[in-house]
């Protein structure tokens, strides 16, 4: 058995075991998630991701391990931006807190399945058409610059969302909480509830963000193991991060600027490959972690300075 086959088996086993535990113990229907529980879940997924880094280091090698931790930190930081939009979606549809945990869980699981399809297609494209990396680089450079200057989105307009309009056209919908169900039988016919709409919007929104994050990871590695594992570990931590940060996003004023810097750097790094310039992975790790860390630090200082009595 090769080292990569062994690593895939361990990765798959860990993910399945963790999800079974999460589903069985931490995802009770109609139960609000406390800050303490969210912090414990967040720590669980982060530690699990870091533990896999150690496994890769000792079983596959330090080069792949460095690629993994760089990709994981990048995917984790880019995934945080998803939460901005998730919060807007939940607010727009008025999802009660007691249902948010379950809707997030299923939405993220669906998003992971869609990401696997997207990653697989990306790997095939890069293998067959290596020049597409330069297209990815130009796209990320443009996206990063645009994100830096557009600022935060303050509201979610369902009527302007193409996915929502499509759902409304092809699926019969009903209003109300419906006791947390995704569909309800009315007059012998099944109707889908707003929670079902939110579920689909979460998954498709994550796929939209994946158009940034997945091409970016190709600038660090083309290893399928590293791409799959870094993406899945980062996305699985989104749910707990949602509950940790949902009341504190006003304190992270400059987080998007930090994410924009990461995208610009990754875009430039990919384009530099056209000229034969290949930056070491450790430089990517330093810039990614430094940009996000600096953005968080400046945001917290800004928040403290604006706090009453400061």
Protein backbone atom coordinates (compact mmCIF):
# COMPACT_ATOMS: atom_id res chain seq x y z
CA UNK A 1 0.00 0.00 0.00
CA UNK A 2 1.48 3.37 -1.03
CA UNK A 3 1.83 6.27 1.36
CA UNK A 4 -0.86 8.23 -0.51
CA UNK A 5 -3.32 5.31 -0.44
CA UNK A 6 -2.74 5.00 3.29
CA UNK A 7 -3.22 8.75 3.73
CA UNK A 8 -6.50 8.68 1.76
CA UNK A 9 -7.80 5.83 3.93
CA UNK A 10 -6.92 7.65 7.14
CA UNK A 11 -8.45 10.89 5.85
CA UNK A 12 -11.70 9.17 4.83
CA UNK A 13 -11.96 7.26 8.09
CA UNK A 14 -11.36 10.35 10.20
CA UNK A 15 -13.95 12.41 8.30
CA UNK A 16 -16.62 9.69 8.50
CA UNK A 17 -16.00 9.09 12.21
CA UNK A 18 -16.07 12.81 12.97
CA UNK A 19 -19.29 13.36 11.01
CA UNK A 20 -21.00 10.39 12.70
CA UNK A 21 -20.01 11.82 16.08
CA UNK A 22 -21.18 15.28 15.06
CA UNK A 23 -24.49 14.01 13.72
CA UNK A 24 -25.14 11.81 16.71
CA UNK A 25 -24.10 14.06 19.56
CA UNK A 26 -24.00 17.67 18.45
CA UNK A 27 -26.84 18.14 15.96
CA UNK A 28 -30.09 17.66 17.81
CA UNK A 29 -33.18 18.89 16.01
CA UNK A 30 -34.64 22.23 17.14
CA UNK A 31 -31.83 22.92 19.57
CA UNK A 32 -30.05 26.26 19.87
CA UNK A 33 -26.26 26.19 19.96
CA UNK A 34 -24.61 27.97 22.86
CA UNK A 35 -21.38 29.93 22.52
CA UNK A 36 -19.61 27.34 24.69
CA UNK A 37 -20.77 24.47 22.47
CA UNK A 38 -19.83 26.39 19.33
CA UNK A 39 -16.35 27.08 20.70
CA UNK A 40 -15.88 23.41 21.55
CA UNK A 41 -17.00 22.35 18.07
CA UNK A 42 -14.75 24.96 16.48
CA UNK A 43 -11.77 23.78 18.52
CA UNK A 44 -12.61 20.17 17.62
CA UNK A 45 -12.50 20.78 13.85
CA UNK A 46 -9.39 22.99 14.01
CA UNK A 47 -7.52 20.43 16.13
CA UNK A 48 -8.63 17.67 13.77
CA UNK A 49 -7.29 19.64 10.82
CA UNK A 50 -3.99 20.25 12.60
CA UNK A 51 -3.77 16.59 13.62
CA UNK A 52 -4.03 15.61 9.96
CA UNK A 53 -1.15 18.00 9.28
CA UNK A 54 0.99 16.01 11.71
CA UNK A 55 -0.09 12.77 10.08
CA UNK A 56 0.89 14.07 6.63
CA UNK A 57 4.20 15.31 8.04
CA UNK A 58 5.23 11.93 9.43
CA UNK A 59 3.63 9.65 6.81
CA UNK A 60 3.92 11.58 3.54
CA UNK A 61 6.72 14.05 4.16
CA UNK A 62 7.43 17.59 5.34
CA UNK A 63 7.02 19.10 1.83
CA UNK A 64 3.44 17.83 1.49
CA UNK A 65 2.73 18.77 5.10
CA UNK A 66 3.82 22.35 4.43
CA UNK A 67 1.59 22.42 1.36
CA UNK A 68 -1.31 21.09 3.43
CA UNK A 69 -1.05 23.62 6.26
CA UNK A 70 -0.66 26.48 3.77
CA UNK A 71 -3.69 25.30 1.77
CA UNK A 72 -5.71 24.66 4.94
CA UNK A 73 -5.04 28.14 6.36
CA UNK A 74 -5.88 29.74 3.03
CA UNK A 75 -9.09 27.74 2.60
CA UNK A 76 -10.04 28.39 6.22
CA UNK A 77 -9.54 32.15 5.88
CA UNK A 78 -11.37 32.33 2.56
CA UNK A 79 -14.21 30.19 3.94
CA UNK A 80 -14.78 32.70 6.73
CA UNK A 81 -16.03 35.11 4.08
CA UNK A 82 -18.85 32.64 3.42
CA UNK A 83 -20.19 33.35 6.88
CA UNK A 84 -20.86 37.00 5.99
CA UNK A 85 -23.28 35.84 3.29
CA UNK A 86 -24.67 32.97 5.41
CA UNK A 87 -25.66 35.47 8.10
CA UNK A 88 -27.39 37.68 5.54
CA UNK A 89 -29.33 34.71 4.15
CA UNK A 90 -30.44 33.57 7.62
CA UNK A 91 -31.46 37.11 8.51
CA UNK A 92 -33.42 37.63 5.28
CA UNK A 93 -35.46 34.43 5.71
CA UNK A 94 -35.79 34.85 9.48
CA UNK A 95 -34.45 31.39 10.33
CA UNK A 96 -34.99 30.75 14.07
CA UNK A 97 -31.85 29.97 16.07
CA UNK A 98 -33.22 26.56 17.08
CA UNK A 99 -33.22 25.43 13.42
CA UNK A 100 -29.99 27.09 12.29
CA UNK A 101 -27.70 24.28 13.43
CA UNK A 102 -29.43 21.56 11.42
CA UNK A 103 -29.86 23.70 8.29
CA UNK A 104 -26.19 24.67 8.38
CA UNK A 105 -25.12 21.05 8.81
CA UNK A 106 -27.04 19.76 5.79
CA UNK A 107 -26.17 22.81 3.72
CA UNK A 108 -22.46 22.37 4.37
CA UNK A 109 -22.59 18.62 3.68
CA UNK A 110 -24.25 19.36 0.33
CA UNK A 111 -21.61 22.03 -0.34
CA UNK A 112 -18.84 19.48 0.31
CA UNK A 113 -20.31 17.09 -2.24
CA UNK A 114 -20.46 19.89 -4.81
CA UNK A 115 -16.89 20.92 -3.98
CA UNK A 116 -15.64 17.37 -4.53
CA UNK A 117 -17.14 17.47 -8.02
CA UNK A 118 -15.63 20.89 -8.65
CA UNK A 119 -12.18 19.89 -7.36
CA UNK A 120 -12.16 16.70 -9.44
CA UNK A 121 -13.02 18.69 -12.56
CA UNK A 122 -10.34 21.25 -11.71
CA UNK A 123 -7.66 18.60 -11.26
CA UNK A 124 -8.50 17.10 -14.66
CA UNK A 125 -8.45 20.50 -16.36
CA UNK A 126 -5.10 21.46 -14.84
CA UNK A 127 -3.58 18.10 -15.79
CA UNK A 128 -4.79 18.36 -19.39
CA UNK A 129 -4.43 22.13 -19.86
CA UNK A 130 -1.70 23.43 -17.56
CA UNK A 131 -2.00 26.92 -19.03
CA UNK A 132 -5.40 27.26 -17.33
CA UNK A 133 -3.49 28.05 -14.12
CA UNK A 134 -2.59 31.42 -15.59
CA UNK A 135 -6.27 32.06 -16.25
CA UNK A 136 -6.97 31.18 -12.63
CA UNK A 137 -4.25 33.61 -11.58
CA UNK A 138 -5.69 36.49 -13.59
CA UNK A 139 -9.17 35.75 -12.23
CA UNK A 140 -7.95 35.71 -8.61
CA UNK A 141 -5.99 38.93 -9.11
CA UNK A 142 -9.10 40.66 -10.47
CA UNK A 143 -11.30 39.20 -7.69
CA UNK A 144 -8.88 40.30 -4.95
CA UNK A 145 -8.64 43.87 -6.26
CA UNK A 146 -12.43 44.07 -6.65
CA UNK A 147 -13.03 42.71 -3.15
CA UNK A 148 -10.60 45.22 -1.66
CA UNK A 149 -12.50 48.20 -3.08
CA UNK A 150 -16.13 47.02 -3.01
CA UNK A 151 -16.41 46.70 0.77
CA UNK A 152 -18.90 44.65 2.77
CA UNK A 153 -22.33 43.60 1.56
CA UNK A 154 -24.96 44.85 3.96
CA UNK A 155 -28.04 42.95 2.77
CA UNK A 156 -29.22 39.93 0.85
CA UNK A 157 -31.76 40.60 -1.88
CA UNK A 158 -33.52 37.33 -2.71
CA UNK A 159 -35.28 38.84 -5.72
CA UNK A 160 -31.90 39.52 -7.34
CA UNK A 161 -30.53 36.07 -6.52
CA UNK A 162 -30.68 33.82 -9.61
CA UNK A 163 -30.72 30.59 -7.55
CA UNK A 164 -33.68 31.77 -5.48
CA UNK A 165 -35.60 32.85 -8.58
CA UNK A 166 -34.96 29.46 -10.19
CA UNK A 167 -36.09 27.57 -7.06
CA UNK A 168 -39.26 29.63 -6.91
CA UNK A 169 -40.07 28.85 -10.53
CA UNK A 170 -39.63 25.07 -10.42
CA UNK A 171 -40.44 24.13 -6.80
CA UNK A 172 -43.77 24.73 -4.98
CA UNK A 173 -43.03 26.76 -1.85
CA UNK A 174 -44.87 27.50 1.36
CA UNK A 175 -44.22 30.04 4.10
CA UNK A 176 -43.66 29.61 7.83
CA UNK A 177 -41.34 27.59 10.04
CA UNK A 178 -43.32 24.33 9.67
CA UNK A 179 -41.73 22.90 12.81
CA UNK A 180 -38.28 22.84 11.21
CA UNK A 181 -39.28 20.61 8.30
CA UNK A 182 -37.93 21.00 4.78
CA UNK A 183 -41.25 20.09 3.16
CA UNK A 184 -44.90 19.93 4.16
CA UNK A 185 -47.92 18.14 2.72
CA UNK A 186 -50.84 20.47 2.04
CA UNK A 187 -54.02 19.25 0.35
CA UNK A 188 -52.34 16.07 -0.83
CA UNK A 189 -49.45 17.93 -2.43
CA UNK A 190 -45.94 18.48 -1.04
CA UNK A 191 -44.61 22.01 -0.68
CA UNK A 192 -41.08 23.00 0.27
CA UNK A 193 -40.47 25.34 3.19
CA UNK A 194 -38.17 28.38 3.50
CA UNK A 195 -35.69 26.16 5.35
CA UNK A 196 -35.30 24.07 2.19
CA UNK A 197 -34.65 27.26 0.21
CA UNK A 198 -32.02 28.36 2.74
CA UNK A 199 -30.41 24.92 2.54
CA UNK A 200 -29.96 25.21 -1.24
CA UNK A 201 -28.80 28.82 -1.01
CA UNK A 202 -26.09 27.87 1.52
CA UNK A 203 -24.75 25.11 -0.73
CA UNK A 204 -24.79 27.17 -3.92
CA UNK A 205 -23.30 30.20 -2.17
CA UNK A 206 -20.39 28.05 -1.02
CA UNK A 207 -19.88 26.84 -4.58
CA UNK A 208 -19.70 30.47 -5.73
CA UNK A 209 -16.99 31.10 -3.15
CA UNK A 210 -15.27 27.92 -4.30
CA UNK A 211 -14.64 29.61 -7.65
CA UNK A 212 -12.10 31.71 -5.71
CA UNK A 213 -10.77 29.28 -3.13
CA UNK A 214 -10.31 26.11 -5.19
CA UNK A 215 -8.34 27.76 -8.03
CA UNK A 216 -6.25 29.47 -5.35
CA UNK A 217 -5.18 26.18 -3.80
CA UNK A 218 -3.71 25.10 -7.15
CA UNK A 219 -1.11 27.84 -6.65
CA UNK A 220 0.13 25.91 -3.62
CA UNK A 221 -0.20 22.30 -4.76
CA UNK A 222 -1.63 20.04 -7.42
CA UNK A 223 -1.78 17.06 -5.03
CA UNK A 224 -5.35 15.71 -4.91
CA UNK A 225 -4.89 14.55 -1.34
CA UNK A 226 -3.86 18.02 -0.16
CA UNK A 227 -6.56 19.81 -2.15
CA UNK A 228 -9.38 17.53 -0.98
CA UNK A 229 -8.30 17.40 2.66
CA UNK A 230 -7.56 21.12 3.10
CA UNK A 231 -10.91 22.06 1.53
CA UNK A 232 -13.03 19.59 3.46
CA UNK A 233 -11.43 20.25 6.85
CA UNK A 234 -11.83 24.01 6.35
CA UNK A 235 -15.47 23.82 5.21
CA UNK A 236 -16.50 21.42 7.99
CA UNK A 237 -15.47 24.04 10.54
CA UNK A 238 -17.77 26.66 9.02
CA UNK A 239 -20.84 25.67 11.03
CA UNK A 240 -19.25 26.10 14.44
CA UNK A 241 -17.51 29.29 13.28
CA UNK A 242 -20.91 30.65 12.25
CA UNK A 243 -22.22 30.44 15.83
CA UNK A 244 -18.98 31.77 17.32
CA UNK A 245 -18.90 34.85 15.11
CA UNK A 246 -22.55 35.59 14.34
CA UNK A 247 -22.76 38.28 17.02
CA UNK A 248 -19.29 39.68 16.49
CA UNK A 249 -18.88 40.36 12.79
CA UNK A 250 -19.01 44.09 13.40
CA UNK A 251 -15.65 43.64 15.15
CA UNK A 252 -13.95 42.30 12.00
CA UNK A 253 -14.16 45.42 9.88
CA UNK A 254 -10.99 44.74 7.89
CA UNK A 255 -11.19 40.97 7.47
CA UNK A 256 -12.28 41.22 3.85
CA UNK A 257 -9.33 43.46 3.06
CA UNK A 258 -7.04 40.76 4.47
CA UNK A 259 -8.77 38.14 2.32
CA UNK A 260 -8.39 40.43 -0.70
CA UNK A 261 -4.63 40.68 -0.10
CA UNK A 262 -4.41 36.87 0.01
CA UNK A 263 -6.28 36.57 -3.30
CA UNK A 264 -4.07 39.18 -4.96
CA UNK A 265 -0.92 37.44 -3.74
CA UNK A 266 -2.10 34.03 -4.93
CA UNK A 267 -3.08 35.51 -8.29
CA UNK A 268 0.34 37.12 -8.72
CA UNK A 269 2.04 33.90 -7.63
CA UNK A 270 0.19 31.89 -10.28
CA UNK A 271 0.93 34.44 -13.01
CA UNK A 272 4.61 34.53 -11.98
CA UNK A 273 4.82 30.87 -12.93
CA UNK A 274 4.47 31.94 -16.58
CA UNK A 275 7.88 33.65 -16.24
CA UNK A 276 9.45 30.68 -14.49
CA UNK A 277 9.24 32.26 -11.02
CA UNK A 278 8.23 29.68 -8.42
CA UNK A 279 7.96 30.97 -4.86
CA UNK A 280 8.63 28.46 -2.04
CA UNK A 281 5.56 27.22 -0.18
CA UNK A 282 6.80 28.66 3.11
CA UNK A 283 6.57 32.17 1.65
CA UNK A 284 2.91 31.53 0.81
CA UNK A 285 2.34 30.29 4.36
CA UNK A 286 3.90 33.43 5.86
CA UNK A 287 1.99 35.85 3.63
CA UNK A 288 -1.37 34.07 4.00
CA UNK A 289 -1.16 33.75 7.79
CA UNK A 290 0.34 37.24 8.14
CA UNK A 291 -2.35 38.92 6.02
CA UNK A 292 -5.26 37.29 7.85
CA UNK A 293 -3.62 37.75 11.25
CA UNK A 294 -2.94 41.42 10.58
CA UNK A 295 -6.50 41.98 9.32
CA UNK A 296 -7.96 40.41 12.47
CA UNK A 297 -5.60 42.38 14.75
CA UNK A 298 -6.35 45.72 13.06
CA UNK A 299 -10.09 44.95 13.14
CA UNK A 300 -10.03 44.22 16.86
CA UNK A 301 -8.05 47.41 17.55
CA UNK A 302 -10.52 49.39 15.43
CA UNK A 303 -13.45 47.82 17.30
CA UNK A 304 -11.88 48.57 20.67
CA UNK A 305 -11.19 52.18 19.70
CA UNK A 306 -14.83 52.69 18.73
CA UNK A 307 -16.22 51.00 21.83
CA UNK A 308 -18.13 53.28 24.24
CA UNK A 309 -15.90 54.63 26.98
CA UNK A 310 -12.66 53.87 25.15
